[in-house]
Amino acid sequence: MTTKPAYAVAWMNGMNVNDDIVEYLRRVDATLAPFHGEILIHGPELVVAEGTAEGMLVVLRFPSTEAAQGWYTSPAYQEILPLRLNNIDQERSFAVLAEGVGPGYSASQKIAEFTS
């Protein structure tokens, strides 16, 4: 059985770039390493195809949901998290952890969930 990858996706609005954010950026990579996390997207260079998008998109990939959750709840990440949270507009920002799909997945497979 293949483990499905997991993703941490954050959309951040109203970031106040200051010493706290610089410190967060200096330290965050070390929190990812023990969980085999990697940065895939680190905005803000976006081409908006639909709607409006103001802010910064960050997407991280982990080998599994357990690894993503382990990273987010780890003491090392929780220690630096306030450096980011205290410097964004939290009402217009979000972060989620989501399980990816396995190899060979197609959108039509979702139909079964809607019709059962």
PDB file of N, CA and C in Angstrom:
ATOM      1  N   MET A   1       0.840  -1.187   0.000  1.00  0.00           N
ATOM      2  CA  MET A   1       0.000   0.000   0.000  1.00  0.00           C
ATOM      3  C   MET A   1       0.886   1.252   0.000  1.00  0.00           C
ATOM      4  N   THR A   2       0.566   2.173  -0.871  1.00  0.00           N
ATOM      5  CA  THR A   2       1.323   3.414  -0.978  1.00  0.00           C
ATOM      6  C   THR A   2       0.751   4.447  -0.013  1.00  0.00           C
ATOM      7  N   THR A   3       1.622   5.091   0.744  1.00  0.00           N
ATOM      8  CA  THR A   3       1.189   6.176   1.621  1.00  0.00           C
ATOM      9  C   THR A   3       0.915   7.397   0.772  1.00  0.00           C
ATOM     10  N   LYS A   4      -0.202   8.052   1.031  1.00  0.00           N
ATOM     11  CA  LYS A   4      -0.548   9.261   0.288  1.00  0.00           C
ATOM     12  C   LYS A   4       0.195  10.449   0.884  1.00  0.00           C
ATOM     13  N   PRO A   5       0.665  11.342   0.022  1.00  0.00           N
ATOM     14  CA  PRO A   5       1.311  12.545   0.552  1.00  0.00           C
ATOM     15  C   PRO A   5       0.274  13.433   1.230  1.00  0.00           C
ATOM     16  N   ALA A   6       0.762  14.350   2.027  1.00  0.00           N
ATOM     17  CA  ALA A   6      -0.119  15.335   2.661  1.00  0.00           C
ATOM     18  C   ALA A   6       0.481  16.716   2.436  1.00  0.00           C
ATOM     19  N   TYR A   7      -0.384  17.701   2.509  1.00  0.00           N
ATOM     20  CA  TYR A   7       0.030  19.069   2.220  1.00  0.00           C
ATOM     21  C   TYR A   7      -0.418  20.002   3.338  1.00  0.00           C
ATOM     22  N   ALA A   8       0.422  20.959   3.640  1.00  0.00           N
ATOM     23  CA  ALA A   8       0.044  22.065   4.514  1.00  0.00           C
ATOM     24  C   ALA A   8      -0.081  23.265   3.588  1.00  0.00           C
ATOM     25  N   VAL A   9      -1.250  23.890   3.611  1.00  0.00           N
ATOM     26  CA  VAL A   9      -1.520  25.030   2.736  1.00  0.00           C
ATOM     27  C   VAL A   9      -1.877  26.212   3.619  1.00  0.00           C
ATOM     28  N   ALA A  10      -1.184  27.314   3.406  1.00  0.00           N
ATOM     29  CA  ALA A  10      -1.464  28.528   4.170  1.00  0.00           C
ATOM     30  C   ALA A  10      -1.692  29.679   3.209  1.00  0.00           C
ATOM     31  N   TRP A  11      -2.725  30.455   3.494  1.00  0.00           N
ATOM     32  CA  TRP A  11      -3.004  31.690   2.770  1.00  0.00           C
ATOM     33  C   TRP A  11      -2.916  32.801   3.799  1.00  0.00           C
ATOM     34  N   MET A  12      -1.984  33.710   3.588  1.00  0.00           N
ATOM     35  CA  MET A  12      -1.742  34.753   4.579  1.00  0.00           C
ATOM     36  C   MET A  12      -1.989  36.133   3.985  1.00  0.00           C
ATOM     37  N   ASN A  13      -2.799  36.895   4.685  1.00  0.00           N
ATOM     38  CA  ASN A  13      -3.118  38.263   4.295  1.00  0.00           C
ATOM     39  C   ASN A  13      -2.585  39.227   5.323  1.00  0.00           C
ATOM     40  N   GLY A  14      -2.277  40.418   4.864  1.00  0.00           N
ATOM     41  CA  GLY A  14      -1.898  41.492   5.768  1.00  0.00           C
ATOM     42  C   GLY A  14      -0.628  41.231   6.541  1.00  0.00           C
ATOM     43  N   MET A  15       0.337  40.596   5.917  1.00  0.00           N
ATOM     44  CA  MET A  15       1.571  40.277   6.644  1.00  0.00           C
ATOM     45  C   MET A  15       2.365  41.546   6.940  1.00  0.00           C
ATOM     46  N   ASN A  16       2.765  41.654   8.183  1.00  0.00           N
ATOM     47  CA  ASN A  16       3.627  42.729   8.643  1.00  0.00           C
ATOM     48  C   ASN A  16       5.050  42.167   8.676  1.00  0.00           C
ATOM     49  N   VAL A  17       5.836  42.490   7.660  1.00  0.00           N
ATOM     50  CA  VAL A  17       7.195  41.961   7.590  1.00  0.00           C
ATOM     51  C   VAL A  17       8.076  42.750   8.558  1.00  0.00           C
ATOM     52  N   ASN A  18       8.563  42.043   9.573  1.00  0.00           N
ATOM     53  CA  ASN A  18       9.357  42.667  10.628  1.00  0.00           C
ATOM     54  C   ASN A  18      10.360  41.639  11.161  1.00  0.00           C
ATOM     55  N   ASP A  19      11.011  41.958  12.264  1.00  0.00           N
ATOM     56  CA  ASP A  19      12.017  41.048  12.831  1.00  0.00           C
ATOM     57  C   ASP A  19      11.433  39.693  13.203  1.00  0.00           C
ATOM     58  N   ASP A  20      10.178  39.651  13.658  1.00  0.00           N
ATOM     59  CA  ASP A  20       9.545  38.367  14.010  1.00  0.00           C
ATOM     60  C   ASP A  20       9.408  37.473  12.779  1.00  0.00           C
ATOM     61  N   ILE A  21       8.981  38.033  11.669  1.00  0.00           N
ATOM     62  CA  ILE A  21       8.827  37.244  10.438  1.00  0.00           C
ATOM     63  C   ILE A  21      10.194  36.770   9.953  1.00  0.00           C
ATOM     64  N   VAL A  22      11.181  37.620  10.016  1.00  0.00           N
ATOM     65  CA  VAL A  22      12.536  37.215   9.632  1.00  0.00           C
ATOM     66  C   VAL A  22      13.015  36.056  10.512  1.00  0.00           C
ATOM     67  N   GLU A  23      12.757  36.133  11.804  1.00  0.00           N
ATOM     68  CA  GLU A  23      13.141  35.054  12.719  1.00  0.00           C
ATOM     69  C   GLU A  23      12.382  33.761  12.394  1.00  0.00           C
ATOM     70  N   TYR A  24      11.085  33.874  12.106  1.00  0.00           N
ATOM     71  CA  TYR A  24      10.279  32.717  11.708  1.00  0.00           C
ATOM     72  C   TYR A  24      10.899  32.051  10.475  1.00  0.00           C
ATOM     73  N   LEU A  25      11.217  32.848   9.477  1.00  0.00           N
ATOM     74  CA  LEU A  25      11.791  32.310   8.242  1.00  0.00           C
ATOM     75  C   LEU A  25      13.157  31.669   8.480  1.00  0.00           C
ATOM     76  N   ARG A  26      13.935  32.208   9.371  1.00  0.00           N
ATOM     77  CA  ARG A  26      15.238  31.614   9.698  1.00  0.00           C
ATOM     78  C   ARG A  26      15.089  30.245  10.350  1.00  0.00           C
ATOM     79  N   ARG A  27      14.021  30.046  11.092  1.00  0.00           N
ATOM     80  CA  ARG A  27      13.877  28.841  11.907  1.00  0.00           C
ATOM     81  C   ARG A  27      12.954  27.771  11.329  1.00  0.00           C
ATOM     82  N   VAL A  28      12.071  28.128  10.413  1.00  0.00           N
ATOM     83  CA  VAL A  28      11.037  27.182   9.979  1.00  0.00           C
ATOM     84  C   VAL A  28      11.609  25.973   9.246  1.00  0.00           C
ATOM     85  N   ASP A  29      12.643  26.142   8.427  1.00  0.00           N
ATOM     86  CA  ASP A  29      13.199  25.000   7.689  1.00  0.00           C
ATOM     87  C   ASP A  29      13.638  23.871   8.623  1.00  0.00           C
ATOM     88  N   ALA A  30      14.242  24.226   9.741  1.00  0.00           N
ATOM     89  CA  ALA A  30      14.701  23.206  10.694  1.00  0.00           C
ATOM     90  C   ALA A  30      13.530  22.433  11.293  1.00  0.00           C
ATOM     91  N   THR A  31      12.340  23.048  11.368  1.00  0.00           N
ATOM     92  CA  THR A  31      11.183  22.335  11.910  1.00  0.00           C
ATOM     93  C   THR A  31      10.622  21.342  10.902  1.00  0.00           C
ATOM     94  N   LEU A  32      10.847  21.582   9.618  1.00  0.00           N
ATOM     95  CA  LEU A  32      10.340  20.695   8.568  1.00  0.00           C
ATOM     96  C   LEU A  32      11.175  19.422   8.431  1.00  0.00           C
ATOM     97  N   ALA A  33      12.478  19.554   8.589  1.00  0.00           N
ATOM     98  CA  ALA A  33      13.406  18.453   8.306  1.00  0.00           C
ATOM     99  C   ALA A  33      13.067  17.141   9.013  1.00  0.00           C
ATOM    100  N   PRO A  34      12.766  17.132  10.327  1.00  0.00           N
ATOM    101  CA  PRO A  34      12.487  15.846  10.984  1.00  0.00           C
ATOM    102  C   PRO A  34      11.238  15.134  10.448  1.00  0.00           C
ATOM    103  N   PHE A  35      10.381  15.869   9.745  1.00  0.00           N
ATOM    104  CA  PHE A  35       9.129  15.296   9.232  1.00  0.00           C
ATOM    105  C   PHE A  35       9.166  15.153   7.710  1.00  0.00           C
ATOM    106  N   HIS A  36      10.347  15.350   7.130  1.00  0.00           N
ATOM    107  CA  HIS A  36      10.556  15.225   5.681  1.00  0.00           C
ATOM    108  C   HIS A  36       9.643  16.166   4.902  1.00  0.00           C
ATOM    109  N   GLY A  37       9.393  17.337   5.467  1.00  0.00           N
ATOM    110  CA  GLY A  37       8.568  18.328   4.798  1.00  0.00           C
ATOM    111  C   GLY A  37       9.405  19.163   3.846  1.00  0.00           C
ATOM    112  N   GLU A  38       8.773  19.585   2.766  1.00  0.00           N
ATOM    113  CA  GLU A  38       9.464  20.439   1.802  1.00  0.00           C
ATOM    114  C   GLU A  38       8.529  21.545   1.327  1.00  0.00           C
ATOM    115  N   ILE A  39       9.113  22.674   1.042  1.00  0.00           N
ATOM    116  CA  ILE A  39       8.345  23.824   0.563  1.00  0.00           C
ATOM    117  C   ILE A  39       8.177  23.690  -0.937  1.00  0.00           C
ATOM    118  N   LEU A  40       6.921  23.690  -1.400  1.00  0.00           N
ATOM    119  CA  LEU A  40       6.629  23.609  -2.830  1.00  0.00           C
ATOM    120  C   LEU A  40       6.317  24.981  -3.418  1.00  0.00           C
ATOM    121  N   ILE A  41       5.577  25.790  -2.662  1.00  0.00           N
ATOM    122  CA  ILE A  41       5.204  27.136  -3.103  1.00  0.00           C
ATOM    123  C   ILE A  41       5.415  28.078  -1.937  1.00  0.00           C
ATOM    124  N   HIS A  42       6.046  29.195  -2.199  1.00  0.00           N
ATOM    125  CA  HIS A  42       6.269  30.205  -1.167  1.00  0.00           C
ATOM    126  C   HIS A  42       6.033  31.564  -1.817  1.00  0.00           C
ATOM    127  N   GLY A  43       4.744  31.917  -2.022  1.00  0.00           N
ATOM    128  CA  GLY A  43       4.257  33.081  -2.745  1.00  0.00           C
ATOM    129  C   GLY A  43       5.128  34.306  -2.634  1.00  0.00           C
ATOM    130  N   PRO A  44       4.696  35.396  -3.181  1.00  0.00           N
ATOM    131  CA  PRO A  44       3.354  35.740  -3.629  1.00  0.00           C
ATOM    132  C   PRO A  44       3.173  35.738  -5.135  1.00  0.00           C
ATOM    133  N   GLU A  45       4.096  35.195  -5.911  1.00  0.00           N
ATOM    134  CA  GLU A  45       3.968  35.248  -7.365  1.00  0.00           C
ATOM    135  C   GLU A  45       2.830  34.336  -7.840  1.00  0.00           C
ATOM    136  N   LEU A  46       1.654  34.930  -8.055  1.00  0.00           N
ATOM    137  CA  LEU A  46       0.476  34.174  -8.468  1.00  0.00           C
ATOM    138  C   LEU A  46      -0.079  34.725  -9.772  1.00  0.00           C
ATOM    139  N   VAL A  47      -0.613  33.856 -10.591  1.00  0.00           N
ATOM    140  CA  VAL A  47      -1.400  34.256 -11.743  1.00  0.00           C
ATOM    141  C   VAL A  47      -2.833  33.903 -11.363  1.00  0.00           C
ATOM    142  N   VAL A  48      -3.649  34.906 -11.115  1.00  0.00           N
ATOM    143  CA  VAL A  48      -5.016  34.676 -10.658  1.00  0.00           C
ATOM    144  C   VAL A  48      -5.883  34.347 -11.867  1.00  0.00           C
ATOM    145  N   ALA A  49      -6.345  33.102 -11.937  1.00  0.00           N
ATOM    146  CA  ALA A  49      -7.164  32.648 -13.051  1.00  0.00           C
ATOM    147  C   ALA A  49      -8.650  32.914 -12.815  1.00  0.00           C
ATOM    148  N   GLU A  50      -9.073  32.935 -11.556  1.00  0.00           N
ATOM    149  CA  GLU A  50     -10.471  33.188 -11.206  1.00  0.00           C
ATOM    150  C   GLU A  50     -10.519  33.943  -9.894  1.00  0.00           C
ATOM    151  N   GLY A  51     -11.495  34.799  -9.738  1.00  0.00           N
ATOM    152  CA  GLY A  51     -11.696  35.501  -8.474  1.00  0.00           C
ATOM    153  C   GLY A  51     -10.603  36.512  -8.192  1.00  0.00           C
ATOM    154  N   THR A  52     -10.428  36.793  -6.914  1.00  0.00           N
ATOM    155  CA  THR A  52      -9.380  37.710  -6.490  1.00  0.00           C
ATOM    156  C   THR A  52      -8.485  37.008  -5.484  1.00  0.00           C
ATOM    157  N   ALA A  53      -7.251  37.401  -5.441  1.00  0.00           N
ATOM    158  CA  ALA A  53      -6.306  36.778  -4.518  1.00  0.00           C
ATOM    159  C   ALA A  53      -5.320  37.840  -4.058  1.00  0.00           C
ATOM    160  N   GLU A  54      -5.481  38.239  -2.819  1.00  0.00           N
ATOM    161  CA  GLU A  54      -4.541  39.160  -2.205  1.00  0.00           C
ATOM    162  C   GLU A  54      -3.888  38.426  -1.053  1.00  0.00           C
ATOM    163  N   GLY A  55      -2.599  38.419  -1.010  1.00  0.00           N
ATOM    164  CA  GLY A  55      -1.903  37.739   0.070  1.00  0.00           C
ATOM    165  C   GLY A  55      -0.819  36.832  -0.444  1.00  0.00           C
ATOM    166  N   MET A  56      -0.397  35.926   0.401  1.00  0.00           N
ATOM    167  CA  MET A  56       0.706  35.024   0.078  1.00  0.00           C
ATOM    168  C   MET A  56       0.253  33.576   0.253  1.00  0.00           C
ATOM    169  N   LEU A  57       0.576  32.753  -0.718  1.00  0.00           N
ATOM    170  CA  LEU A  57       0.275  31.324  -0.680  1.00  0.00           C
ATOM    171  C   LEU A  57       1.544  30.554  -0.340  1.00  0.00           C
ATOM    172  N   VAL A  58       1.422  29.612   0.592  1.00  0.00           N
ATOM    173  CA  VAL A  58       2.518  28.709   0.937  1.00  0.00           C
ATOM    174  C   VAL A  58       1.973  27.286   0.899  1.00  0.00           C
ATOM    175  N   VAL A  59       2.679  26.402   0.213  1.00  0.00           N
ATOM    176  CA  VAL A  59       2.292  24.994   0.155  1.00  0.00           C
ATOM    177  C   VAL A  59       3.509  24.153   0.518  1.00  0.00           C
ATOM    178  N   LEU A  60       3.318  23.276   1.501  1.00  0.00           N
ATOM    179  CA  LEU A  60       4.354  22.346   1.945  1.00  0.00           C
ATOM    180  C   LEU A  60       3.885  20.924   1.647  1.00  0.00           C
ATOM    181  N   ARG A  61       4.819  20.041   1.343  1.00  0.00           N
ATOM    182  CA  ARG A  61       4.472  18.626   1.122  1.00  0.00           C
ATOM    183  C   ARG A  61       5.169  17.777   2.165  1.00  0.00           C
ATOM    184  N   PHE A  62       4.422  16.781   2.654  1.00  0.00           N
ATOM    185  CA  PHE A  62       4.934  15.810   3.622  1.00  0.00           C
ATOM    186  C   PHE A  62       4.650  14.411   3.082  1.00  0.00           C
ATOM    187  N   PRO A  63       5.371  13.414   3.542  1.00  0.00           N
ATOM    188  CA  PRO A  63       5.151  12.056   3.033  1.00  0.00           C
ATOM    189  C   PRO A  63       3.832  11.427   3.479  1.00  0.00           C
ATOM    190  N   SER A  64       3.201  11.973   4.523  1.00  0.00           N
ATOM    191  CA  SER A  64       1.947  11.400   5.016  1.00  0.00           C
ATOM    192  C   SER A  64       1.208  12.434   5.863  1.00  0.00           C
ATOM    193  N   THR A  65      -0.059  12.148   6.132  1.00  0.00           N
ATOM    194  CA  THR A  65      -0.844  13.012   7.008  1.00  0.00           C
ATOM    195  C   THR A  65      -0.244  13.024   8.412  1.00  0.00           C
ATOM    196  N   GLU A  66       0.213  11.873   8.865  1.00  0.00           N
ATOM    197  CA  GLU A  66       0.820  11.788  10.197  1.00  0.00           C
ATOM    198  C   GLU A  66       2.049  12.693  10.288  1.00  0.00           C
ATOM    199  N   ALA A  67       2.852  12.726   9.229  1.00  0.00           N
ATOM    200  CA  ALA A  67       4.042  13.579   9.233  1.00  0.00           C
ATOM    201  C   ALA A  67       3.642  15.057   9.257  1.00  0.00           C
ATOM    202  N   ALA A  68       2.627  15.421   8.478  1.00  0.00           N
ATOM    203  CA  ALA A  68       2.167  16.820   8.449  1.00  0.00           C
ATOM    204  C   ALA A  68       1.639  17.239   9.819  1.00  0.00           C
ATOM    205  N   GLN A  69       0.835  16.384  10.421  1.00  0.00           N
ATOM    206  CA  GLN A  69       0.295  16.702  11.745  1.00  0.00           C
ATOM    207  C   GLN A  69       1.401  16.725  12.796  1.00  0.00           C
ATOM    208  N   GLY A  70       2.351  15.805  12.674  1.00  0.00           N
ATOM    209  CA  GLY A  70       3.472  15.778  13.596  1.00  0.00           C
ATOM    210  C   GLY A  70       4.280  17.058  13.531  1.00  0.00           C
ATOM    211  N   TRP A  71       4.517  17.550  12.311  1.00  0.00           N
ATOM    212  CA  TRP A  71       5.244  18.819  12.149  1.00  0.00           C
ATOM    213  C   TRP A  71       4.476  19.969  12.789  1.00  0.00           C
ATOM    214  N   TYR A  72       3.168  20.098  12.441  1.00  0.00           N
ATOM    215  CA  TYR A  72       2.405  21.252  12.927  1.00  0.00           C
ATOM    216  C   TYR A  72       2.309  21.282  14.446  1.00  0.00           C
ATOM    217  N   THR A  73       2.168  20.127  15.051  1.00  0.00           N
ATOM    218  CA  THR A  73       2.001  20.073  16.504  1.00  0.00           C
ATOM    219  C   THR A  73       3.326  19.921  17.260  1.00  0.00           C
ATOM    220  N   SER A  74       4.433  19.831  16.528  1.00  0.00           N
ATOM    221  CA  SER A  74       5.727  19.640  17.188  1.00  0.00           C
ATOM    222  C   SER A  74       6.082  20.840  18.059  1.00  0.00           C
ATOM    223  N   PRO A  75       6.776  20.599  19.164  1.00  0.00           N
ATOM    224  CA  PRO A  75       7.208  21.713  20.014  1.00  0.00           C
ATOM    225  C   PRO A  75       8.043  22.747  19.255  1.00  0.00           C
ATOM    226  N   ALA A  76       8.882  22.283  18.325  1.00  0.00           N
ATOM    227  CA  ALA A  76       9.726  23.225  17.579  1.00  0.00           C
ATOM    228  C   ALA A  76       8.890  24.177  16.729  1.00  0.00           C
ATOM    229  N   TYR A  77       7.849  23.650  16.045  1.00  0.00           N
ATOM    230  CA  TYR A  77       7.025  24.533  15.219  1.00  0.00           C
ATOM    231  C   TYR A  77       6.103  25.387  16.090  1.00  0.00           C
ATOM    232  N   GLN A  78       5.521  24.799  17.109  1.00  0.00           N
ATOM    233  CA  GLN A  78       4.635  25.565  17.985  1.00  0.00           C
ATOM    234  C   GLN A  78       5.374  26.734  18.644  1.00  0.00           C
ATOM    235  N   GLU A  79       6.669  26.573  18.873  1.00  0.00           N
ATOM    236  CA  GLU A  79       7.461  27.647  19.479  1.00  0.00           C
ATOM    237  C   GLU A  79       7.573  28.862  18.564  1.00  0.00           C
ATOM    238  N   ILE A  80       7.668  28.631  17.241  1.00  0.00           N
ATOM    239  CA  ILE A  80       7.825  29.761  16.323  1.00  0.00           C
ATOM    240  C   ILE A  80       6.512  30.219  15.687  1.00  0.00           C
ATOM    241  N   LEU A  81       5.465  29.429  15.797  1.00  0.00           N
ATOM    242  CA  LEU A  81       4.188  29.773  15.178  1.00  0.00           C
ATOM    243  C   LEU A  81       3.676  31.161  15.565  1.00  0.00           C
ATOM    244  N   PRO A  82       3.756  31.584  16.819  1.00  0.00           N
ATOM    245  CA  PRO A  82       3.284  32.931  17.159  1.00  0.00           C
ATOM    246  C   PRO A  82       4.013  34.047  16.403  1.00  0.00           C
ATOM    247  N   LEU A  83       5.242  33.796  15.982  1.00  0.00           N
ATOM    248  CA  LEU A  83       5.975  34.803  15.219  1.00  0.00           C
ATOM    249  C   LEU A  83       5.253  35.113  13.909  1.00  0.00           C
ATOM    250  N   ARG A  84       4.609  34.096  13.327  1.00  0.00           N
ATOM    251  CA  ARG A  84       3.839  34.284  12.093  1.00  0.00           C
ATOM    252  C   ARG A  84       2.432  34.774  12.415  1.00  0.00           C
ATOM    253  N   LEU A  85       1.755  34.092  13.330  1.00  0.00           N
ATOM    254  CA  LEU A  85       0.360  34.432  13.616  1.00  0.00           C
ATOM    255  C   LEU A  85       0.172  35.862  14.116  1.00  0.00           C
ATOM    256  N   ASN A  86       1.129  36.355  14.883  1.00  0.00           N
ATOM    257  CA  ASN A  86       1.008  37.704  15.428  1.00  0.00           C
ATOM    258  C   ASN A  86       1.302  38.796  14.412  1.00  0.00           C
ATOM    259  N   ASN A  87       1.654  38.391  13.195  1.00  0.00           N
ATOM    260  CA  ASN A  87       2.025  39.373  12.181  1.00  0.00           C
ATOM    261  C   ASN A  87       1.275  39.204  10.869  1.00  0.00           C
ATOM    262  N   ILE A  88       0.087  38.597  10.947  1.00  0.00           N
ATOM    263  CA  ILE A  88      -0.798  38.489   9.792  1.00  0.00           C
ATOM    264  C   ILE A  88      -2.202  38.877  10.232  1.00  0.00           C
ATOM    265  N   ASP A  89      -3.058  39.148   9.259  1.00  0.00           N
ATOM    266  CA  ASP A  89      -4.466  39.395   9.527  1.00  0.00           C
ATOM    267  C   ASP A  89      -5.131  38.021   9.662  1.00  0.00           C
ATOM    268  N   GLN A  90      -5.322  37.556  10.882  1.00  0.00           N
ATOM    269  CA  GLN A  90      -5.821  36.196  11.113  1.00  0.00           C
ATOM    270  C   GLN A  90      -7.255  35.995  10.643  1.00  0.00           C
ATOM    271  N   GLU A  91      -8.030  37.058  10.537  1.00  0.00           N
ATOM    272  CA  GLU A  91      -9.408  36.912  10.059  1.00  0.00           C
ATOM    273  C   GLU A  91      -9.475  36.681   8.556  1.00  0.00           C
ATOM    274  N   ARG A  92      -8.438  37.057   7.835  1.00  0.00           N
ATOM    275  CA  ARG A  92      -8.417  36.871   6.382  1.00  0.00           C
ATOM    276  C   ARG A  92      -7.350  35.882   5.943  1.00  0.00           C
ATOM    277  N   SER A  93      -6.863  35.084   6.873  1.00  0.00           N
ATOM    278  CA  SER A  93      -5.817  34.102   6.584  1.00  0.00           C
ATOM    279  C   SER A  93      -6.259  32.733   7.091  1.00  0.00           C
ATOM    280  N   PHE A  94      -5.634  31.683   6.566  1.00  0.00           N
ATOM    281  CA  PHE A  94      -5.950  30.341   7.056  1.00  0.00           C
ATOM    282  C   PHE A  94      -4.777  29.411   6.793  1.00  0.00           C
ATOM    283  N   ALA A  95      -4.780  28.294   7.492  1.00  0.00           N
ATOM    284  CA  ALA A  95      -3.830  27.208   7.242  1.00  0.00           C
ATOM    285  C   ALA A  95      -4.584  25.899   7.416  1.00  0.00           C
ATOM    286  N   VAL A  96      -4.361  24.959   6.504  1.00  0.00           N
ATOM    287  CA  VAL A  96      -5.013  23.658   6.565  1.00  0.00           C
ATOM    288  C   VAL A  96      -3.992  22.564   6.281  1.00  0.00           C
ATOM    289  N   LEU A  97      -4.269  21.376   6.791  1.00  0.00           N
ATOM    290  CA  LEU A  97      -3.514  20.179   6.465  1.00  0.00           C
ATOM    291  C   LEU A  97      -4.459  19.280   5.687  1.00  0.00           C
ATOM    292  N   ALA A  98      -4.004  18.777   4.539  1.00  0.00           N
ATOM    293  CA  ALA A  98      -4.887  17.981   3.688  1.00  0.00           C
ATOM    294  C   ALA A  98      -4.151  16.769   3.134  1.00  0.00           C
ATOM    295  N   GLU A  99      -4.822  15.624   3.167  1.00  0.00           N
ATOM    296  CA  GLU A  99      -4.262  14.421   2.565  1.00  0.00           C
ATOM    297  C   GLU A  99      -4.361  14.527   1.051  1.00  0.00           C
ATOM    298  N   GLY A 100      -3.298  14.151   0.366  1.00  0.00           N
ATOM    299  CA  GLY A 100      -3.304  14.136  -1.092  1.00  0.00           C
ATOM    300  C   GLY A 100      -3.970  12.867  -1.602  1.00  0.00           C
ATOM    301  N   VAL A 101      -3.953  12.698  -2.895  1.00  0.00           N
ATOM    302  CA  VAL A 101      -4.511  11.496  -3.511  1.00  0.00           C
ATOM    303  C   VAL A 101      -3.370  10.599  -3.958  1.00  0.00           C
ATOM    304  N   GLY A 102      -3.672   9.333  -4.149  1.00  0.00           N
ATOM    305  CA  GLY A 102      -2.653   8.379  -4.555  1.00  0.00           C
ATOM    306  C   GLY A 102      -2.394   8.423  -6.047  1.00  0.00           C
ATOM    307  N   PRO A 103      -1.389   7.674  -6.470  1.00  0.00           N
ATOM    308  CA  PRO A 103      -1.060   7.608  -7.896  1.00  0.00           C
ATOM    309  C   PRO A 103      -2.245   7.090  -8.708  1.00  0.00           C
ATOM    310  N   GLY A 104      -2.430   7.629  -9.891  1.00  0.00           N
ATOM    311  CA  GLY A 104      -3.489   7.172 -10.783  1.00  0.00           C
ATOM    312  C   GLY A 104      -4.872   7.689 -10.459  1.00  0.00           C
ATOM    313  N   TYR A 105      -4.991   8.568  -9.474  1.00  0.00           N
ATOM    314  CA  TYR A 105      -6.302   9.111  -9.097  1.00  0.00           C
ATOM    315  C   TYR A 105      -6.876   9.932 -10.243  1.00  0.00           C
ATOM    316  N   SER A 106      -8.200   9.849 -10.412  1.00  0.00           N
ATOM    317  CA  SER A 106      -8.887  10.706 -11.383  1.00  0.00           C
ATOM    318  C   SER A 106     -10.088  11.351 -10.704  1.00  0.00           C
ATOM    319  N   ALA A 107     -10.455  12.521 -11.160  1.00  0.00           N
ATOM    320  CA  ALA A 107     -11.547  13.276 -10.551  1.00  0.00           C
ATOM    321  C   ALA A 107     -12.851  12.484 -10.543  1.00  0.00           C
ATOM    322  N   SER A 108     -13.066  11.637 -11.530  1.00  0.00           N
ATOM    323  CA  SER A 108     -14.318  10.878 -11.594  1.00  0.00           C
ATOM    324  C   SER A 108     -14.480   9.914 -10.420  1.00  0.00           C
ATOM    325  N   GLN A 109     -13.410   9.585  -9.724  1.00  0.00           N
ATOM    326  CA  GLN A 109     -13.512   8.718  -8.559  1.00  0.00           C
ATOM    327  C   GLN A 109     -14.310   9.380  -7.436  1.00  0.00           C
ATOM    328  N   LYS A 110     -14.401  10.681  -7.440  1.00  0.00           N
ATOM    329  CA  LYS A 110     -15.139  11.412  -6.408  1.00  0.00           C
ATOM    330  C   LYS A 110     -16.654  11.208  -6.541  1.00  0.00           C
ATOM    331  N   ILE A 111     -17.103  10.820  -7.724  1.00  0.00           N
ATOM    332  CA  ILE A 111     -18.541  10.634  -7.955  1.00  0.00           C
ATOM    333  C   ILE A 111     -19.137   9.635  -6.983  1.00  0.00           C
ATOM    334  N   ALA A 112     -18.410   8.566  -6.684  1.00  0.00           N
ATOM    335  CA  ALA A 112     -18.919   7.546  -5.765  1.00  0.00           C
ATOM    336  C   ALA A 112     -19.266   8.134  -4.405  1.00  0.00           C
ATOM    337  N   GLU A 113     -18.488   9.100  -3.924  1.00  0.00           N
ATOM    338  CA  GLU A 113     -18.780   9.738  -2.627  1.00  0.00           C
ATOM    339  C   GLU A 113     -20.078  10.528  -2.690  1.00  0.00           C
ATOM    340  N   PHE A 114     -20.354  11.121  -3.823  1.00  0.00           N
ATOM    341  CA  PHE A 114     -21.551  11.949  -3.971  1.00  0.00           C
ATOM    342  C   PHE A 114     -22.814  11.135  -4.204  1.00  0.00           C
ATOM    343  N   THR A 115     -22.672   9.921  -4.697  1.00  0.00           N
ATOM    344  CA  THR A 115     -23.836   9.125  -5.066  1.00  0.00           C
ATOM    345  C   THR A 115     -24.116   7.962  -4.134  1.00  0.00           C
ATOM    346  N   SER A 116     -23.287   7.771  -3.121  1.00  0.00           N
ATOM    347  CA  SER A 116     -23.539   6.623  -2.227  1.00  0.00           C
ATOM    348  C   SER A 116     -24.270   7.036  -0.981  1.00  0.00           C
TER     349      SER A 116
END
